[in-house]
Amino acid sequence: MAQPERIAILSDRVAAIADAKIKQIRKVTEETAILAINASIEAAHAGTAGRGFSVVASAVKDVSNRINEIAGDLSNELKTAVVEL
């Protein structure tokens, strides 16, 4: 069985790793959202020919938002679990 000190150290380590990875995920989703906005602008410039691309850009933005929400949920759930340890 693990010693309480070891559990505390590992809990802190898990929390730090999770926090770093969630920050990376949020950075990527932020970049994806910006790309989707830029793609929407370019689609608007293309007029009728860019209409389909605009739909794709909007879907990419929606996916980015969903991933960001999942990352937030993961962060909250991990923090709660680590505190319980």
N, C-alpha and C. Protein backbone atom coordinates (compact mmCIF):
# COMPACT_ATOMS: atom_id res chain seq x y z
N MET A 1 0.84 -1.18 0.00
CA MET A 1 0.00 0.00 0.00
C MET A 1 0.89 1.24 0.00
N ALA A 2 0.47 2.25 -0.72
CA ALA A 2 1.24 3.49 -0.83
C ALA A 2 1.18 4.29 0.46
N GLN A 3 2.28 4.94 0.76
CA GLN A 3 2.34 5.79 1.94
C GLN A 3 1.60 7.10 1.67
N PRO A 4 1.03 7.69 2.71
CA PRO A 4 0.28 8.94 2.51
C PRO A 4 1.12 10.05 1.85
N GLU A 5 2.38 10.14 2.21
CA GLU A 5 3.24 11.16 1.61
C GLU A 5 3.39 10.92 0.11
N ARG A 6 3.55 9.67 -0.24
CA ARG A 6 3.72 9.30 -1.65
C ARG A 6 2.44 9.61 -2.43
N ILE A 7 1.30 9.34 -1.83
CA ILE A 7 0.02 9.63 -2.47
C ILE A 7 -0.11 11.14 -2.70
N ALA A 8 0.27 11.93 -1.72
CA ALA A 8 0.20 13.39 -1.85
C ALA A 8 1.10 13.88 -2.97
N ILE A 9 2.31 13.35 -3.03
CA ILE A 9 3.26 13.75 -4.08
C ILE A 9 2.72 13.38 -5.46
N LEU A 10 2.22 12.16 -5.58
CA LEU A 10 1.67 11.71 -6.86
C LEU A 10 0.43 12.51 -7.24
N SER A 11 -0.40 12.84 -6.28
CA SER A 11 -1.60 13.65 -6.55
C SER A 11 -1.20 15.01 -7.10
N ASP A 12 -0.20 15.63 -6.49
CA ASP A 12 0.28 16.93 -6.98
C ASP A 12 0.85 16.80 -8.39
N ARG A 13 1.57 15.73 -8.63
CA ARG A 13 2.16 15.50 -9.95
C ARG A 13 1.07 15.30 -11.00
N VAL A 14 0.07 14.50 -10.68
CA VAL A 14 -1.04 14.27 -11.61
C VAL A 14 -1.76 15.58 -11.90
N ALA A 15 -1.97 16.38 -10.87
CA ALA A 15 -2.65 17.66 -11.05
C ALA A 15 -1.84 18.58 -11.96
N ALA A 16 -0.53 18.62 -11.78
CA ALA A 16 0.33 19.47 -12.60
C ALA A 16 0.34 19.01 -14.06
N ILE A 17 0.42 17.72 -14.27
CA ILE A 17 0.41 17.17 -15.63
C ILE A 17 -0.92 17.47 -16.31
N ALA A 18 -2.00 17.21 -15.60
CA ALA A 18 -3.34 17.46 -16.16
C ALA A 18 -3.52 18.93 -16.50
N ASP A 19 -3.09 19.80 -15.60
CA ASP A 19 -3.22 21.24 -15.83
C ASP A 19 -2.45 21.67 -17.07
N ALA A 20 -1.23 21.17 -17.21
CA ALA A 20 -0.41 21.52 -18.38
C ALA A 20 -1.05 21.04 -19.68
N LYS A 21 -1.55 19.83 -19.67
CA LYS A 21 -2.16 19.28 -20.89
C LYS A 21 -3.47 20.00 -21.23
N ILE A 22 -4.24 20.35 -20.23
CA ILE A 22 -5.49 21.07 -20.47
C ILE A 22 -5.19 22.45 -21.04
N LYS A 23 -4.14 23.10 -20.54
CA LYS A 23 -3.73 24.39 -21.11
C LYS A 23 -3.35 24.25 -22.57
N GLN A 24 -2.65 23.16 -22.90
CA GLN A 24 -2.29 22.91 -24.30
C GLN A 24 -3.53 22.70 -25.16
N ILE A 25 -4.47 21.94 -24.66
CA ILE A 25 -5.71 21.69 -25.39
C ILE A 25 -6.44 23.01 -25.63
N ARG A 26 -6.52 23.83 -24.60
CA ARG A 26 -7.21 25.13 -24.75
C ARG A 26 -6.50 26.03 -25.75
N LYS A 27 -5.18 25.99 -25.78
CA LYS A 27 -4.41 26.79 -26.74
C LYS A 27 -4.72 26.33 -28.16
N VAL A 28 -4.76 25.03 -28.38
CA VAL A 28 -5.06 24.50 -29.71
C VAL A 28 -6.48 24.85 -30.12
N THR A 29 -7.42 24.75 -29.20
CA THR A 29 -8.81 25.10 -29.56
C THR A 29 -8.95 26.59 -29.84
N GLU A 30 -8.18 27.40 -29.13
CA GLU A 30 -8.18 28.84 -29.41
C GLU A 30 -7.64 29.11 -30.81
N GLU A 31 -6.55 28.45 -31.16
CA GLU A 31 -5.98 28.61 -32.50
C GLU A 31 -6.94 28.11 -33.58
N THR A 32 -7.62 27.00 -33.30
CA THR A 32 -8.59 26.45 -34.24
C THR A 32 -9.75 27.41 -34.45
N ALA A 33 -10.21 28.02 -33.37
CA ALA A 33 -11.31 28.98 -33.48
C ALA A 33 -10.90 30.18 -34.33
N ILE A 34 -9.68 30.64 -34.14
CA ILE A 34 -9.18 31.77 -34.94
C ILE A 34 -9.08 31.38 -36.41
N LEU A 35 -8.60 30.18 -36.67
CA LEU A 35 -8.54 29.70 -38.06
C LEU A 35 -9.93 29.62 -38.67
N ALA A 36 -10.90 29.17 -37.89
CA ALA A 36 -12.28 29.07 -38.39
C ALA A 36 -12.83 30.45 -38.72
N ILE A 37 -12.52 31.43 -37.87
CA ILE A 37 -12.97 32.80 -38.14
C ILE A 37 -12.32 33.32 -39.42
N ASN A 38 -11.03 33.11 -39.56
CA ASN A 38 -10.33 33.54 -40.77
C ASN A 38 -10.90 32.84 -42.01
N ALA A 39 -11.21 31.57 -41.89
CA ALA A 39 -11.79 30.83 -43.01
C ALA A 39 -13.16 31.38 -43.38
N SER A 40 -13.94 31.76 -42.37
CA SER A 40 -15.26 32.35 -42.63
C SER A 40 -15.13 33.68 -43.37
N ILE A 41 -14.15 34.46 -42.99
CA ILE A 41 -13.90 35.74 -43.66
C ILE A 41 -13.52 35.51 -45.11
N GLU A 42 -12.63 34.57 -45.34
CA GLU A 42 -12.21 34.26 -46.71
C GLU A 42 -13.37 33.70 -47.52
N ALA A 43 -14.21 32.90 -46.89
CA ALA A 43 -15.38 32.37 -47.59
C ALA A 43 -16.32 33.50 -47.99
N ALA A 44 -16.46 34.48 -47.11
CA ALA A 44 -17.32 35.63 -47.43
C ALA A 44 -16.75 36.42 -48.60
N HIS A 45 -15.44 36.54 -48.63
CA HIS A 45 -14.81 37.24 -49.76
C HIS A 45 -15.03 36.50 -51.07
N ALA A 46 -15.11 35.18 -50.99
CA ALA A 46 -15.30 34.37 -52.20
C ALA A 46 -16.75 34.40 -52.69
N GLY A 47 -17.63 34.93 -51.86
CA GLY A 47 -19.03 35.05 -52.28
C GLY A 47 -19.72 33.70 -52.35
N THR A 48 -20.52 33.53 -53.40
CA THR A 48 -21.29 32.30 -53.57
C THR A 48 -20.39 31.07 -53.63
N ALA A 49 -19.23 31.20 -54.26
CA ALA A 49 -18.31 30.06 -54.37
C ALA A 49 -17.78 29.62 -53.01
N GLY A 50 -17.76 30.50 -52.04
CA GLY A 50 -17.23 30.16 -50.72
C GLY A 50 -18.27 29.72 -49.72
N ARG A 51 -19.52 29.62 -50.14
CA ARG A 51 -20.60 29.28 -49.22
C ARG A 51 -20.38 27.94 -48.52
N GLY A 52 -19.99 26.93 -49.27
CA GLY A 52 -19.75 25.61 -48.68
C GLY A 52 -18.61 25.63 -47.69
N PHE A 53 -17.58 26.40 -48.02
CA PHE A 53 -16.43 26.51 -47.13
C PHE A 53 -16.83 27.20 -45.83
N SER A 54 -17.74 28.13 -45.92
CA SER A 54 -18.23 28.83 -44.73
C SER A 54 -18.91 27.86 -43.77
N VAL A 55 -19.65 26.91 -44.32
CA VAL A 55 -20.32 25.90 -43.50
C VAL A 55 -19.28 25.05 -42.77
N VAL A 56 -18.24 24.67 -43.47
CA VAL A 56 -17.17 23.87 -42.86
C VAL A 56 -16.47 24.67 -41.76
N ALA A 57 -16.18 25.94 -42.03
CA ALA A 57 -15.52 26.78 -41.04
C ALA A 57 -16.37 26.91 -39.78
N SER A 58 -17.66 27.04 -39.95
CA SER A 58 -18.57 27.13 -38.82
C SER A 58 -18.56 25.83 -38.01
N ALA A 59 -18.55 24.70 -38.69
CA ALA A 59 -18.51 23.41 -38.01
C ALA A 59 -17.20 23.24 -37.24
N VAL A 60 -16.10 23.69 -37.82
CA VAL A 60 -14.80 23.61 -37.14
C VAL A 60 -14.83 24.46 -35.87
N LYS A 61 -15.41 25.63 -35.95
CA LYS A 61 -15.52 26.49 -34.77
C LYS A 61 -16.36 25.82 -33.69
N ASP A 62 -17.47 25.19 -34.09
CA ASP A 62 -18.32 24.49 -33.12
C ASP A 62 -17.57 23.35 -32.44
N VAL A 63 -16.81 22.60 -33.22
CA VAL A 63 -16.01 21.50 -32.65
C VAL A 63 -14.98 22.06 -31.67
N SER A 64 -14.35 23.14 -32.05
CA SER A 64 -13.37 23.79 -31.17
C SER A 64 -14.00 24.19 -29.85
N ASN A 65 -15.19 24.77 -29.91
CA ASN A 65 -15.89 25.17 -28.69
C ASN A 65 -16.25 23.97 -27.82
N ARG A 66 -16.69 22.88 -28.45
CA ARG A 66 -17.03 21.67 -27.69
C ARG A 66 -15.80 21.09 -27.01
N ILE A 67 -14.68 21.06 -27.71
CA ILE A 67 -13.44 20.54 -27.12
C ILE A 67 -13.02 21.41 -25.94
N ASN A 68 -13.16 22.71 -26.07
CA ASN A 68 -12.82 23.61 -24.97
C ASN A 68 -13.70 23.35 -23.75
N GLU A 69 -14.98 23.10 -23.98
CA GLU A 69 -15.89 22.78 -22.88
C GLU A 69 -15.50 21.46 -22.21
N ILE A 70 -15.15 20.48 -23.01
CA ILE A 70 -14.73 19.18 -22.47
C ILE A 70 -13.46 19.35 -21.64
N ALA A 71 -12.52 20.16 -22.12
CA ALA A 71 -11.29 20.42 -21.38
C ALA A 71 -11.60 21.07 -20.03
N GLY A 72 -12.56 21.99 -20.02
CA GLY A 72 -12.97 22.63 -18.77
C GLY A 72 -13.58 21.63 -17.81
N ASP A 73 -14.45 20.77 -18.32
CA ASP A 73 -15.05 19.73 -17.49
C ASP A 73 -13.99 18.79 -16.93
N LEU A 74 -13.06 18.39 -17.78
CA LEU A 74 -11.98 17.50 -17.36
C LEU A 74 -11.16 18.15 -16.26
N SER A 75 -10.85 19.41 -16.44
CA SER A 75 -10.07 20.14 -15.43
C SER A 75 -10.79 20.14 -14.09
N ASN A 76 -12.06 20.46 -14.10
CA ASN A 76 -12.83 20.50 -12.85
C ASN A 76 -12.93 19.14 -12.19
N GLU A 77 -13.18 18.11 -12.99
CA GLU A 77 -13.31 16.77 -12.43
C GLU A 77 -11.99 16.26 -11.87
N LEU A 78 -10.89 16.54 -12.56
CA LEU A 78 -9.59 16.11 -12.07
C LEU A 78 -9.21 16.85 -10.78
N LYS A 79 -9.50 18.14 -10.74
CA LYS A 79 -9.19 18.91 -9.51
C LYS A 79 -9.96 18.35 -8.33
N THR A 80 -11.22 18.02 -8.54
CA THR A 80 -12.04 17.45 -7.47
C THR A 80 -11.47 16.10 -7.02
N ALA A 81 -11.10 15.26 -7.98
CA ALA A 81 -10.58 13.94 -7.65
C ALA A 81 -9.24 14.03 -6.91
N VAL A 82 -8.38 14.95 -7.36
CA VAL A 82 -7.08 15.11 -6.72
C VAL A 82 -7.24 15.60 -5.28
N VAL A 83 -8.16 16.53 -5.06
CA VAL A 83 -8.41 17.04 -3.71
C VAL A 83 -8.89 15.90 -2.81
N GLU A 84 -9.71 15.02 -3.35
CA GLU A 84 -10.22 13.89 -2.55
C GLU A 84 -9.12 12.92 -2.15
N LEU A 85 -8.09 12.82 -3.01
CA LEU A 85 -6.98 11.93 -2.66
C LEU A 85 -6.26 12.45 -1.45
